[in-house]
Amino acid sequence: MKIIRFVVYAILISLAPPVLAQEQPFIFTLYGGLFFPAHPEFRATYQSSSDLIWGVGICLPVRAPIFAAGDISFFSSKAIMDQSYDSTMELSERFIHVGILSKQFLGGSIFLRLSGGVSYISIKQTTSSSRSSESSQNTDKRLGYFGGVGFEQPLDAEGRSSLFGDVIYDYRRSRQKELYGDYGGIRLVLGVHLFLF
């Protein structure tokens, strides 16, 4: 976790002068959608290829068309393993993204969004049943990366809010024996930017 804090501080410190000089808005982000885990056993265990993901974040203007961006999102999926013993398994993941967002004007009021950066993903798997107490396993702490593409359109003439849709790929491989494999995946999300001046 210290590494991700260092990366956040380094980006904010290096970008602080241009951000303050431009007097542009602080942008609050809220989004939600579907996450498709890359782990090969997810579909067989949870009887689905995806589940809900939601998150919040901020964007700080650097210089047109570049923004420094950060967000945190949450994903959780639960499966019933054995109904007779009320046995369940739950996979929870928390994603922290720190990176760069570029908005390229396409025409009309549509912008192309390109994003990328580093990620810190915490992974927890919990099992429980009526015959045993709840037990949890957490993966080792490692950094990953993400990249995405999407579109954005303003919602009002004053430019105080906009609607966006993104497709983002997260890479995060666990080397831990108990939870070995790829715990990244693809997310499809819709969200809003609120420009706070």
N, C-alpha and C. Protein backbone atom coordinates (compact mmCIF):
# COMPACT_ATOMS: atom_id res chain seq x y z
N MET A 1 0.83 -1.21 0.00
CA MET A 1 0.00 0.00 0.00
C MET A 1 0.87 1.26 0.00
N LYS A 2 2.09 1.17 0.58
CA LYS A 2 2.98 2.32 0.61
C LYS A 2 3.40 2.72 -0.80
N ILE A 3 3.54 1.71 -1.68
CA ILE A 3 3.95 2.00 -3.05
C ILE A 3 2.89 2.82 -3.77
N ILE A 4 1.62 2.44 -3.62
CA ILE A 4 0.55 3.17 -4.31
C ILE A 4 0.42 4.58 -3.77
N ARG A 5 0.64 4.77 -2.47
CA ARG A 5 0.61 6.12 -1.90
C ARG A 5 1.72 6.97 -2.48
N PHE A 6 2.90 6.38 -2.63
CA PHE A 6 4.02 7.12 -3.20
C PHE A 6 3.73 7.54 -4.62
N VAL A 7 3.14 6.64 -5.42
CA VAL A 7 2.79 6.96 -6.81
C VAL A 7 1.77 8.09 -6.86
N VAL A 8 0.75 8.04 -6.00
CA VAL A 8 -0.27 9.09 -5.96
C VAL A 8 0.36 10.43 -5.62
N TYR A 9 1.18 10.47 -4.55
CA TYR A 9 1.82 11.71 -4.14
C TYR A 9 2.72 12.26 -5.23
N ALA A 10 3.48 11.38 -5.89
CA ALA A 10 4.41 11.82 -6.93
C ALA A 10 3.67 12.46 -8.10
N ILE A 11 2.54 11.85 -8.51
CA ILE A 11 1.76 12.40 -9.61
C ILE A 11 1.15 13.74 -9.23
N LEU A 12 0.55 13.82 -8.05
CA LEU A 12 -0.09 15.06 -7.63
C LEU A 12 0.91 16.20 -7.46
N ILE A 13 2.08 15.90 -6.89
CA ILE A 13 3.10 16.94 -6.70
C ILE A 13 3.62 17.44 -8.04
N SER A 14 3.88 16.51 -8.97
CA SER A 14 4.42 16.90 -10.27
C SER A 14 3.40 17.67 -11.10
N LEU A 15 2.10 17.44 -10.85
CA LEU A 15 1.07 18.09 -11.65
C LEU A 15 0.49 19.33 -10.98
N ALA A 16 0.85 19.57 -9.74
CA ALA A 16 0.23 20.66 -8.98
C ALA A 16 0.36 22.02 -9.65
N PRO A 17 1.55 22.47 -10.12
CA PRO A 17 1.64 23.81 -10.72
C PRO A 17 0.73 24.01 -11.92
N PRO A 18 0.71 23.09 -12.93
CA PRO A 18 -0.20 23.32 -14.04
C PRO A 18 -1.66 23.29 -13.65
N VAL A 19 -2.02 22.44 -12.68
CA VAL A 19 -3.42 22.37 -12.25
C VAL A 19 -3.86 23.68 -11.64
N LEU A 20 -3.04 24.25 -10.75
CA LEU A 20 -3.40 25.49 -10.10
C LEU A 20 -3.41 26.65 -11.07
N ALA A 21 -2.50 26.62 -12.04
CA ALA A 21 -2.39 27.72 -12.98
C ALA A 21 -3.60 27.81 -13.90
N GLN A 22 -4.20 26.70 -14.21
CA GLN A 22 -5.29 26.71 -15.17
C GLN A 22 -6.63 27.14 -14.59
N GLU A 23 -6.81 27.03 -13.29
CA GLU A 23 -8.06 27.38 -12.63
C GLU A 23 -9.23 26.64 -13.27
N GLN A 24 -9.05 25.36 -13.51
CA GLN A 24 -10.11 24.54 -14.08
C GLN A 24 -10.79 23.74 -12.98
N PRO A 25 -11.89 23.07 -13.32
CA PRO A 25 -12.70 22.43 -12.28
C PRO A 25 -12.08 21.17 -11.69
N PHE A 26 -12.45 20.92 -10.48
CA PHE A 26 -12.21 19.64 -9.82
C PHE A 26 -13.38 18.75 -10.24
N ILE A 27 -13.10 17.54 -10.73
CA ILE A 27 -14.14 16.71 -11.32
C ILE A 27 -14.38 15.48 -10.47
N PHE A 28 -15.61 15.30 -10.00
CA PHE A 28 -16.02 14.14 -9.23
C PHE A 28 -16.66 13.13 -10.17
N THR A 29 -16.31 11.85 -10.00
CA THR A 29 -16.77 10.80 -10.89
C THR A 29 -17.53 9.72 -10.12
N LEU A 30 -18.62 9.26 -10.69
CA LEU A 30 -19.40 8.15 -10.13
C LEU A 30 -19.78 7.22 -11.28
N TYR A 31 -19.56 5.91 -11.11
CA TYR A 31 -19.86 4.99 -12.20
C TYR A 31 -20.27 3.61 -11.68
N GLY A 32 -20.85 2.82 -12.57
CA GLY A 32 -21.23 1.45 -12.24
C GLY A 32 -21.40 0.64 -13.51
N GLY A 33 -21.36 -0.68 -13.37
CA GLY A 33 -21.50 -1.53 -14.55
C GLY A 33 -21.21 -2.98 -14.23
N LEU A 34 -20.64 -3.68 -15.19
CA LEU A 34 -20.34 -5.10 -15.06
C LEU A 34 -18.84 -5.35 -15.13
N PHE A 35 -18.39 -6.29 -14.30
CA PHE A 35 -16.99 -6.72 -14.33
C PHE A 35 -16.94 -8.19 -14.73
N PHE A 36 -16.10 -8.50 -15.71
CA PHE A 36 -15.92 -9.86 -16.21
C PHE A 36 -14.56 -10.37 -15.77
N PRO A 37 -14.47 -11.10 -14.65
CA PRO A 37 -13.18 -11.58 -14.15
C PRO A 37 -12.48 -12.49 -15.16
N ALA A 38 -11.16 -12.38 -15.20
CA ALA A 38 -10.36 -13.18 -16.14
C ALA A 38 -10.04 -14.56 -15.61
N HIS A 39 -10.25 -14.79 -14.32
CA HIS A 39 -9.89 -16.09 -13.74
C HIS A 39 -10.69 -17.21 -14.40
N PRO A 40 -10.02 -18.25 -14.90
CA PRO A 40 -10.73 -19.30 -15.66
C PRO A 40 -11.78 -20.08 -14.86
N GLU A 41 -11.67 -20.10 -13.52
CA GLU A 41 -12.60 -20.86 -12.71
C GLU A 41 -13.79 -20.03 -12.23
N PHE A 42 -13.81 -18.75 -12.55
CA PHE A 42 -14.89 -17.89 -12.03
C PHE A 42 -16.25 -18.34 -12.53
N ARG A 43 -16.39 -18.57 -13.82
CA ARG A 43 -17.70 -18.92 -14.39
C ARG A 43 -18.22 -20.24 -13.82
N ALA A 44 -17.34 -21.24 -13.67
CA ALA A 44 -17.77 -22.54 -13.16
C ALA A 44 -18.18 -22.45 -11.69
N THR A 45 -17.49 -21.61 -10.93
CA THR A 45 -17.79 -21.50 -9.49
C THR A 45 -19.02 -20.66 -9.22
N TYR A 46 -19.13 -19.51 -9.90
CA TYR A 46 -20.19 -18.55 -9.58
C TYR A 46 -21.35 -18.60 -10.57
N GLN A 47 -21.30 -19.51 -11.53
CA GLN A 47 -22.38 -19.73 -12.49
C GLN A 47 -22.76 -18.44 -13.23
N SER A 48 -21.76 -17.63 -13.50
CA SER A 48 -21.98 -16.39 -14.24
C SER A 48 -20.62 -15.91 -14.76
N SER A 49 -20.65 -15.17 -15.84
CA SER A 49 -19.40 -14.64 -16.38
C SER A 49 -19.09 -13.24 -15.86
N SER A 50 -20.05 -12.61 -15.12
CA SER A 50 -19.83 -11.25 -14.64
C SER A 50 -20.69 -10.98 -13.40
N ASP A 51 -20.38 -9.84 -12.78
CA ASP A 51 -21.21 -9.35 -11.67
C ASP A 51 -21.02 -7.84 -11.59
N LEU A 52 -21.77 -7.20 -10.69
CA LEU A 52 -21.78 -5.74 -10.63
C LEU A 52 -20.49 -5.17 -10.05
N ILE A 53 -20.09 -4.01 -10.57
CA ILE A 53 -18.97 -3.25 -10.04
C ILE A 53 -19.41 -1.79 -9.97
N TRP A 54 -18.94 -1.06 -8.96
CA TRP A 54 -19.26 0.36 -8.86
C TRP A 54 -18.06 1.08 -8.26
N GLY A 55 -17.98 2.39 -8.50
CA GLY A 55 -16.85 3.12 -7.98
C GLY A 55 -17.03 4.62 -8.01
N VAL A 56 -16.08 5.30 -7.37
CA VAL A 56 -16.04 6.77 -7.33
C VAL A 56 -14.61 7.21 -7.59
N GLY A 57 -14.46 8.45 -8.05
CA GLY A 57 -13.11 8.94 -8.31
C GLY A 57 -13.07 10.44 -8.50
N ILE A 58 -11.88 10.92 -8.85
CA ILE A 58 -11.66 12.34 -9.12
C ILE A 58 -10.78 12.49 -10.36
N CYS A 59 -10.92 13.65 -11.01
CA CYS A 59 -10.04 14.03 -12.12
C CYS A 59 -9.55 15.45 -11.87
N LEU A 60 -8.28 15.69 -12.17
CA LEU A 60 -7.71 17.02 -12.05
C LEU A 60 -7.12 17.42 -13.39
N PRO A 61 -7.54 18.56 -13.96
CA PRO A 61 -7.00 18.99 -15.25
C PRO A 61 -5.49 19.25 -15.15
N VAL A 62 -4.76 18.80 -16.15
CA VAL A 62 -3.32 19.07 -16.21
C VAL A 62 -3.08 20.13 -17.29
N ARG A 63 -3.24 19.73 -18.52
CA ARG A 63 -3.24 20.65 -19.66
C ARG A 63 -4.03 19.96 -20.76
N ALA A 64 -4.86 20.72 -21.45
CA ALA A 64 -5.75 20.11 -22.45
C ALA A 64 -4.94 19.27 -23.44
N PRO A 65 -5.40 18.03 -23.69
CA PRO A 65 -6.63 17.38 -23.20
C PRO A 65 -6.34 16.34 -22.12
N ILE A 66 -5.32 16.56 -21.28
CA ILE A 66 -4.85 15.56 -20.32
C ILE A 66 -5.39 15.85 -18.92
N PHE A 67 -5.81 14.77 -18.22
CA PHE A 67 -6.26 14.86 -16.84
C PHE A 67 -5.52 13.82 -16.00
N ALA A 68 -5.18 14.17 -14.77
CA ALA A 68 -4.72 13.18 -13.79
C ALA A 68 -5.97 12.60 -13.15
N ALA A 69 -6.05 11.28 -13.07
CA ALA A 69 -7.28 10.64 -12.59
C ALA A 69 -6.97 9.55 -11.57
N GLY A 70 -7.88 9.40 -10.64
CA GLY A 70 -7.78 8.34 -9.65
C GLY A 70 -9.18 7.89 -9.25
N ASP A 71 -9.34 6.60 -8.97
CA ASP A 71 -10.65 6.12 -8.54
C ASP A 71 -10.49 4.84 -7.73
N ILE A 72 -11.54 4.52 -7.01
CA ILE A 72 -11.60 3.28 -6.26
C ILE A 72 -12.93 2.60 -6.59
N SER A 73 -12.87 1.29 -6.85
CA SER A 73 -14.09 0.56 -7.20
C SER A 73 -14.18 -0.74 -6.44
N PHE A 74 -15.39 -1.28 -6.38
CA PHE A 74 -15.66 -2.45 -5.55
C PHE A 74 -16.44 -3.49 -6.35
N PHE A 75 -16.00 -4.74 -6.21
CA PHE A 75 -16.63 -5.87 -6.89
C PHE A 75 -16.80 -7.01 -5.90
N SER A 76 -17.96 -7.66 -5.95
CA SER A 76 -18.20 -8.79 -5.07
C SER A 76 -19.17 -9.75 -5.75
N SER A 77 -18.86 -11.05 -5.64
CA SER A 77 -19.75 -12.06 -6.20
C SER A 77 -19.83 -13.23 -5.23
N LYS A 78 -21.03 -13.77 -5.05
CA LYS A 78 -21.25 -14.83 -4.07
C LYS A 78 -21.89 -16.04 -4.73
N ALA A 79 -21.45 -17.23 -4.32
CA ALA A 79 -21.98 -18.47 -4.88
C ALA A 79 -22.35 -19.44 -3.77
N ILE A 80 -23.42 -20.21 -3.99
CA ILE A 80 -23.83 -21.27 -3.06
C ILE A 80 -23.15 -22.56 -3.52
N MET A 81 -22.31 -23.11 -2.65
CA MET A 81 -21.54 -24.30 -3.01
C MET A 81 -22.31 -25.59 -2.68
N ASP A 82 -23.02 -25.57 -1.54
CA ASP A 82 -23.77 -26.75 -1.11
C ASP A 82 -24.97 -26.28 -0.29
N GLN A 83 -26.16 -26.40 -0.85
CA GLN A 83 -27.35 -25.90 -0.16
C GLN A 83 -27.67 -26.67 1.11
N SER A 84 -27.37 -27.95 1.14
CA SER A 84 -27.70 -28.75 2.32
C SER A 84 -26.93 -28.31 3.55
N TYR A 85 -25.73 -27.77 3.37
CA TYR A 85 -24.92 -27.29 4.49
C TYR A 85 -24.83 -25.77 4.53
N ASP A 86 -25.64 -25.11 3.69
CA ASP A 86 -25.60 -23.65 3.61
C ASP A 86 -24.17 -23.17 3.39
N SER A 87 -23.48 -23.84 2.48
CA SER A 87 -22.08 -23.52 2.19
C SER A 87 -21.99 -22.48 1.08
N THR A 88 -21.25 -21.41 1.33
CA THR A 88 -21.12 -20.34 0.34
C THR A 88 -19.66 -19.95 0.15
N MET A 89 -19.39 -19.33 -0.99
CA MET A 89 -18.08 -18.77 -1.29
C MET A 89 -18.28 -17.38 -1.87
N GLU A 90 -17.47 -16.43 -1.42
CA GLU A 90 -17.60 -15.05 -1.90
C GLU A 90 -16.24 -14.52 -2.31
N LEU A 91 -16.18 -13.92 -3.50
CA LEU A 91 -14.98 -13.27 -4.00
C LEU A 91 -15.19 -11.77 -3.97
N SER A 92 -14.28 -11.07 -3.30
CA SER A 92 -14.36 -9.60 -3.21
C SER A 92 -13.06 -9.01 -3.73
N GLU A 93 -13.18 -7.98 -4.55
CA GLU A 93 -12.01 -7.29 -5.07
C GLU A 93 -12.22 -5.78 -4.95
N ARG A 94 -11.15 -5.10 -4.56
CA ARG A 94 -11.16 -3.64 -4.49
C ARG A 94 -10.05 -3.12 -5.40
N PHE A 95 -10.42 -2.23 -6.32
CA PHE A 95 -9.49 -1.70 -7.31
C PHE A 95 -9.18 -0.23 -6.99
N ILE A 96 -7.91 0.11 -6.95
CA ILE A 96 -7.49 1.51 -6.85
C ILE A 96 -6.68 1.84 -8.09
N HIS A 97 -7.17 2.79 -8.87
CA HIS A 97 -6.51 3.21 -10.10
C HIS A 97 -5.89 4.60 -9.92
N VAL A 98 -4.67 4.77 -10.42
CA VAL A 98 -4.03 6.09 -10.50
C VAL A 98 -3.41 6.18 -11.88
N GLY A 99 -3.80 7.20 -12.65
CA GLY A 99 -3.26 7.27 -14.00
C GLY A 99 -3.63 8.55 -14.72
N ILE A 100 -3.63 8.45 -16.03
CA ILE A 100 -3.87 9.60 -16.91
C ILE A 100 -5.10 9.33 -17.78
N LEU A 101 -5.91 10.37 -17.96
CA LEU A 101 -7.06 10.32 -18.85
C LEU A 101 -6.88 11.38 -19.93
N SER A 102 -7.01 10.96 -21.19
CA SER A 102 -6.93 11.89 -22.32
C SER A 102 -8.28 11.93 -23.03
N LYS A 103 -8.77 13.14 -23.29
CA LYS A 103 -10.05 13.32 -24.00
C LYS A 103 -9.78 13.96 -25.36
N GLN A 104 -10.11 13.24 -26.43
CA GLN A 104 -9.91 13.74 -27.78
C GLN A 104 -11.25 14.09 -28.41
N PHE A 105 -11.39 15.33 -28.88
CA PHE A 105 -12.64 15.79 -29.46
C PHE A 105 -12.87 15.11 -30.81
N LEU A 106 -14.05 14.50 -30.99
CA LEU A 106 -14.37 13.79 -32.22
C LEU A 106 -15.27 14.57 -33.15
N GLY A 107 -16.02 15.52 -32.62
CA GLY A 107 -16.98 16.27 -33.42
C GLY A 107 -18.33 16.28 -32.73
N GLY A 108 -19.11 17.30 -33.03
CA GLY A 108 -20.39 17.46 -32.34
C GLY A 108 -20.11 17.76 -30.89
N SER A 109 -20.58 16.90 -29.99
CA SER A 109 -20.28 17.06 -28.56
C SER A 109 -19.65 15.79 -27.99
N ILE A 110 -19.10 14.94 -28.85
CA ILE A 110 -18.57 13.65 -28.43
C ILE A 110 -17.05 13.70 -28.28
N PHE A 111 -16.56 13.10 -27.18
CA PHE A 111 -15.13 12.99 -26.94
C PHE A 111 -14.73 11.51 -26.86
N LEU A 112 -13.57 11.20 -27.39
CA LEU A 112 -12.98 9.88 -27.22
C LEU A 112 -12.13 9.90 -25.96
N ARG A 113 -12.29 8.90 -25.10
CA ARG A 113 -11.57 8.81 -23.83
C ARG A 113 -10.52 7.69 -23.92
N LEU A 114 -9.28 8.02 -23.58
CA LEU A 114 -8.21 7.03 -23.49
C LEU A 114 -7.60 7.14 -22.10
N SER A 115 -7.51 6.02 -21.39
CA SER A 115 -7.00 6.05 -20.02
C SER A 115 -6.01 4.92 -19.78
N GLY A 116 -5.14 5.11 -18.81
CA GLY A 116 -4.18 4.07 -18.45
C GLY A 116 -3.39 4.47 -17.22
N GLY A 117 -2.80 3.49 -16.56
CA GLY A 117 -2.00 3.77 -15.38
C GLY A 117 -1.75 2.53 -14.55
N VAL A 118 -1.42 2.74 -13.28
CA VAL A 118 -1.14 1.63 -12.38
C VAL A 118 -2.35 1.36 -11.50
N SER A 119 -2.44 0.14 -11.01
CA SER A 119 -3.56 -0.24 -10.15
C SER A 119 -3.07 -1.05 -8.96
N TYR A 120 -3.81 -0.95 -7.89
CA TYR A 120 -3.58 -1.78 -6.72
C TYR A 120 -4.89 -2.51 -6.46
N ILE A 121 -4.85 -3.83 -6.54
CA ILE A 121 -6.07 -4.62 -6.40
C ILE A 121 -5.94 -5.56 -5.20
N SER A 122 -6.81 -5.39 -4.23
CA SER A 122 -6.84 -6.29 -3.08
C SER A 122 -7.91 -7.35 -3.34
N ILE A 123 -7.57 -8.60 -3.06
CA ILE A 123 -8.44 -9.74 -3.37
C ILE A 123 -8.68 -10.56 -2.12
N LYS A 124 -9.94 -10.89 -1.88
CA LYS A 124 -10.30 -11.67 -0.70
C LYS A 124 -11.33 -12.72 -1.08
N GLN A 125 -11.09 -13.95 -0.67
CA GLN A 125 -12.05 -15.03 -0.90
C GLN A 125 -12.49 -15.59 0.44
N THR A 126 -13.80 -15.63 0.65
CA THR A 126 -14.36 -16.04 1.94
C THR A 126 -15.26 -17.25 1.74
N THR A 127 -15.10 -18.24 2.59
CA THR A 127 -15.96 -19.43 2.57
C THR A 127 -16.61 -19.59 3.93
N SER A 128 -17.84 -20.09 3.93
CA SER A 128 -18.54 -20.33 5.18
C SER A 128 -19.59 -21.42 4.97
N SER A 129 -19.97 -22.06 6.07
CA SER A 129 -21.02 -23.08 6.02
C SER A 129 -21.58 -23.26 7.42
N SER A 130 -22.68 -23.99 7.53
CA SER A 130 -23.30 -24.23 8.82
C SER A 130 -22.47 -25.18 9.68
N ARG A 131 -21.53 -25.89 9.07
CA ARG A 131 -20.71 -26.86 9.80
C ARG A 131 -19.34 -26.32 10.20
N SER A 132 -18.98 -25.16 9.69
CA SER A 132 -17.65 -24.61 10.01
C SER A 132 -17.73 -23.09 10.09
N SER A 133 -16.79 -22.53 10.78
CA SER A 133 -16.75 -21.07 10.91
C SER A 133 -16.26 -20.44 9.61
N GLU A 134 -16.51 -19.17 9.46
CA GLU A 134 -16.10 -18.45 8.26
C GLU A 134 -14.58 -18.35 8.19
N SER A 135 -14.03 -18.56 7.00
CA SER A 135 -12.59 -18.42 6.80
C SER A 135 -12.33 -17.59 5.56
N SER A 136 -11.24 -16.81 5.60
CA SER A 136 -10.92 -15.91 4.50
C SER A 136 -9.47 -16.08 4.08
N GLN A 137 -9.23 -15.85 2.80
CA GLN A 137 -7.88 -15.84 2.26
C GLN A 137 -7.68 -14.55 1.47
N ASN A 138 -6.52 -13.94 1.66
CA ASN A 138 -6.18 -12.71 0.95
C ASN A 138 -4.94 -12.95 0.10
N THR A 139 -4.90 -12.30 -1.06
CA THR A 139 -3.73 -12.47 -1.91
C THR A 139 -2.58 -11.60 -1.45
N ASP A 140 -1.41 -11.89 -2.00
CA ASP A 140 -0.24 -11.07 -1.75
C ASP A 140 -0.45 -9.68 -2.34
N LYS A 141 0.30 -8.71 -1.84
CA LYS A 141 0.13 -7.31 -2.27
C LYS A 141 1.04 -7.03 -3.46
N ARG A 142 0.43 -6.74 -4.60
CA ARG A 142 1.18 -6.46 -5.82
C ARG A 142 0.47 -5.36 -6.62
N LEU A 143 1.27 -4.63 -7.40
CA LEU A 143 0.72 -3.65 -8.31
C LEU A 143 0.38 -4.30 -9.64
N GLY A 144 -0.62 -3.76 -10.31
CA GLY A 144 -0.97 -4.18 -11.65
C GLY A 144 -1.05 -2.96 -12.55
N TYR A 145 -1.75 -3.09 -13.64
CA TYR A 145 -1.93 -1.96 -14.54
C TYR A 145 -3.31 -2.04 -15.19
N PHE A 146 -3.73 -0.92 -15.78
CA PHE A 146 -5.02 -0.89 -16.45
C PHE A 146 -4.93 0.00 -17.69
N GLY A 147 -5.84 -0.21 -18.61
CA GLY A 147 -5.96 0.63 -19.79
C GLY A 147 -7.38 0.57 -20.30
N GLY A 148 -7.85 1.66 -20.87
CA GLY A 148 -9.24 1.68 -21.31
C GLY A 148 -9.52 2.66 -22.43
N VAL A 149 -10.69 2.50 -23.02
CA VAL A 149 -11.16 3.39 -24.07
C VAL A 149 -12.65 3.60 -23.88
N GLY A 150 -13.15 4.77 -24.25
CA GLY A 150 -14.58 5.05 -24.08
C GLY A 150 -14.98 6.32 -24.78
N PHE A 151 -16.21 6.73 -24.51
CA PHE A 151 -16.77 7.95 -25.10
C PHE A 151 -17.42 8.79 -24.02
N GLU A 152 -17.48 10.10 -24.26
CA GLU A 152 -18.06 11.02 -23.29
C GLU A 152 -18.86 12.09 -24.01
N GLN A 153 -19.98 12.48 -23.38
CA GLN A 153 -20.84 13.52 -23.96
C GLN A 153 -21.35 14.43 -22.84
N PRO A 154 -21.23 15.74 -23.00
CA PRO A 154 -21.78 16.67 -22.01
C PRO A 154 -23.29 16.52 -21.88
N LEU A 155 -23.80 16.75 -20.66
CA LEU A 155 -25.23 16.63 -20.41
C LEU A 155 -25.95 17.97 -20.38
N ASP A 156 -25.19 19.07 -20.31
CA ASP A 156 -25.81 20.38 -20.27
C ASP A 156 -24.94 21.39 -21.00
N ALA A 157 -25.54 22.50 -21.39
CA ALA A 157 -24.85 23.52 -22.17
C ALA A 157 -23.74 24.20 -21.38
N GLU A 158 -23.89 24.26 -20.05
CA GLU A 158 -22.89 24.92 -19.23
C GLU A 158 -21.65 24.07 -19.00
N GLY A 159 -21.72 22.79 -19.34
CA GLY A 159 -20.57 21.91 -19.18
C GLY A 159 -20.27 21.52 -17.75
N ARG A 160 -21.31 21.48 -16.91
CA ARG A 160 -21.11 21.13 -15.50
C ARG A 160 -21.25 19.64 -15.23
N SER A 161 -21.67 18.87 -16.23
CA SER A 161 -21.79 17.43 -16.05
C SER A 161 -21.67 16.74 -17.41
N SER A 162 -21.27 15.49 -17.38
CA SER A 162 -21.17 14.74 -18.63
C SER A 162 -21.39 13.26 -18.33
N LEU A 163 -21.81 12.55 -19.36
CA LEU A 163 -22.05 11.11 -19.29
C LEU A 163 -20.94 10.41 -20.06
N PHE A 164 -20.42 9.30 -19.50
CA PHE A 164 -19.37 8.56 -20.20
C PHE A 164 -19.59 7.06 -20.10
N GLY A 165 -19.02 6.36 -21.04
CA GLY A 165 -19.01 4.91 -21.03
C GLY A 165 -17.60 4.43 -21.34
N ASP A 166 -17.10 3.47 -20.57
CA ASP A 166 -15.74 2.99 -20.73
C ASP A 166 -15.68 1.47 -20.79
N VAL A 167 -14.71 0.96 -21.53
CA VAL A 167 -14.30 -0.43 -21.48
C VAL A 167 -12.88 -0.43 -20.95
N ILE A 168 -12.64 -1.07 -19.79
CA ILE A 168 -11.33 -1.01 -19.14
C ILE A 168 -10.84 -2.42 -18.84
N TYR A 169 -9.57 -2.64 -19.14
CA TYR A 169 -8.93 -3.92 -18.85
C TYR A 169 -7.98 -3.75 -17.66
N ASP A 170 -8.15 -4.59 -16.66
CA ASP A 170 -7.28 -4.62 -15.49
C ASP A 170 -6.44 -5.90 -15.52
N TYR A 171 -5.14 -5.74 -15.27
CA TYR A 171 -4.27 -6.92 -15.16
C TYR A 171 -3.76 -7.03 -13.73
N ARG A 172 -3.96 -8.19 -13.14
CA ARG A 172 -3.47 -8.44 -11.78
C ARG A 172 -3.33 -9.95 -11.60
N ARG A 173 -2.10 -10.45 -11.56
CA ARG A 173 -1.86 -11.88 -11.40
C ARG A 173 -1.38 -12.16 -9.97
N SER A 174 -2.00 -13.15 -9.35
CA SER A 174 -1.60 -13.58 -8.01
C SER A 174 -0.70 -14.80 -8.12
N ARG A 175 0.44 -14.75 -7.42
CA ARG A 175 1.38 -15.88 -7.40
C ARG A 175 1.17 -16.76 -6.17
N GLN A 176 0.25 -16.34 -5.32
CA GLN A 176 -0.01 -17.07 -4.09
C GLN A 176 -0.65 -18.41 -4.39
N LYS A 177 -0.17 -19.47 -3.74
CA LYS A 177 -0.60 -20.82 -4.07
C LYS A 177 -2.11 -21.01 -3.91
N GLU A 178 -2.68 -20.50 -2.80
CA GLU A 178 -4.09 -20.73 -2.51
C GLU A 178 -5.01 -19.97 -3.48
N LEU A 179 -4.57 -18.84 -3.99
CA LEU A 179 -5.39 -18.02 -4.88
C LEU A 179 -4.59 -17.69 -6.14
N TYR A 180 -4.03 -18.70 -6.76
CA TYR A 180 -3.16 -18.49 -7.91
C TYR A 180 -3.99 -18.17 -9.16
N GLY A 181 -3.47 -17.28 -9.98
CA GLY A 181 -4.13 -17.01 -11.25
C GLY A 181 -4.34 -15.53 -11.53
N ASP A 182 -5.05 -15.25 -12.59
CA ASP A 182 -5.33 -13.89 -13.03
C ASP A 182 -6.62 -13.39 -12.39
N TYR A 183 -6.52 -12.33 -11.59
CA TYR A 183 -7.70 -11.75 -10.94
C TYR A 183 -8.04 -10.38 -11.50
N GLY A 184 -7.51 -10.09 -12.69
CA GLY A 184 -7.93 -8.90 -13.39
C GLY A 184 -9.19 -9.20 -14.19
N GLY A 185 -9.39 -8.46 -15.25
CA GLY A 185 -10.56 -8.70 -16.09
C GLY A 185 -10.97 -7.46 -16.85
N ILE A 186 -12.14 -7.53 -17.44
CA ILE A 186 -12.68 -6.43 -18.24
C ILE A 186 -13.93 -5.88 -17.57
N ARG A 187 -14.01 -4.56 -17.52
CA ARG A 187 -15.21 -3.92 -16.98
C ARG A 187 -15.87 -3.05 -18.05
N LEU A 188 -17.20 -3.07 -18.05
CA LEU A 188 -18.01 -2.21 -18.90
C LEU A 188 -18.82 -1.32 -17.98
N VAL A 189 -18.56 -0.02 -18.02
CA VAL A 189 -19.20 0.87 -17.05
C VAL A 189 -19.79 2.09 -17.72
N LEU A 190 -20.85 2.63 -17.10
CA LEU A 190 -21.43 3.91 -17.43
C LEU A 190 -21.31 4.81 -16.21
N GLY A 191 -21.01 6.07 -16.45
CA GLY A 191 -20.84 6.96 -15.31
C GLY A 191 -21.09 8.41 -15.65
N VAL A 192 -20.97 9.25 -14.63
CA VAL A 192 -21.14 10.69 -14.79
C VAL A 192 -19.94 11.42 -14.19
N HIS A 193 -19.58 12.52 -14.85
CA HIS A 193 -18.61 13.47 -14.32
C HIS A 193 -19.39 14.69 -13.82
N LEU A 194 -19.10 15.12 -12.62
CA LEU A 194 -19.68 16.36 -12.08
C LEU A 194 -18.54 17.36 -11.90
N PHE A 195 -18.60 18.48 -12.62
CA PHE A 195 -17.54 19.47 -12.62
C PHE A 195 -17.80 20.47 -11.48
N LEU A 196 -16.94 20.42 -10.48
CA LEU A 196 -17.07 21.28 -9.31
C LEU A 196 -16.09 22.44 -9.43
N PHE A 197 -16.59 23.63 -9.69
CA PHE A 197 -15.73 24.78 -9.95
C PHE A 197 -15.28 25.43 -8.65
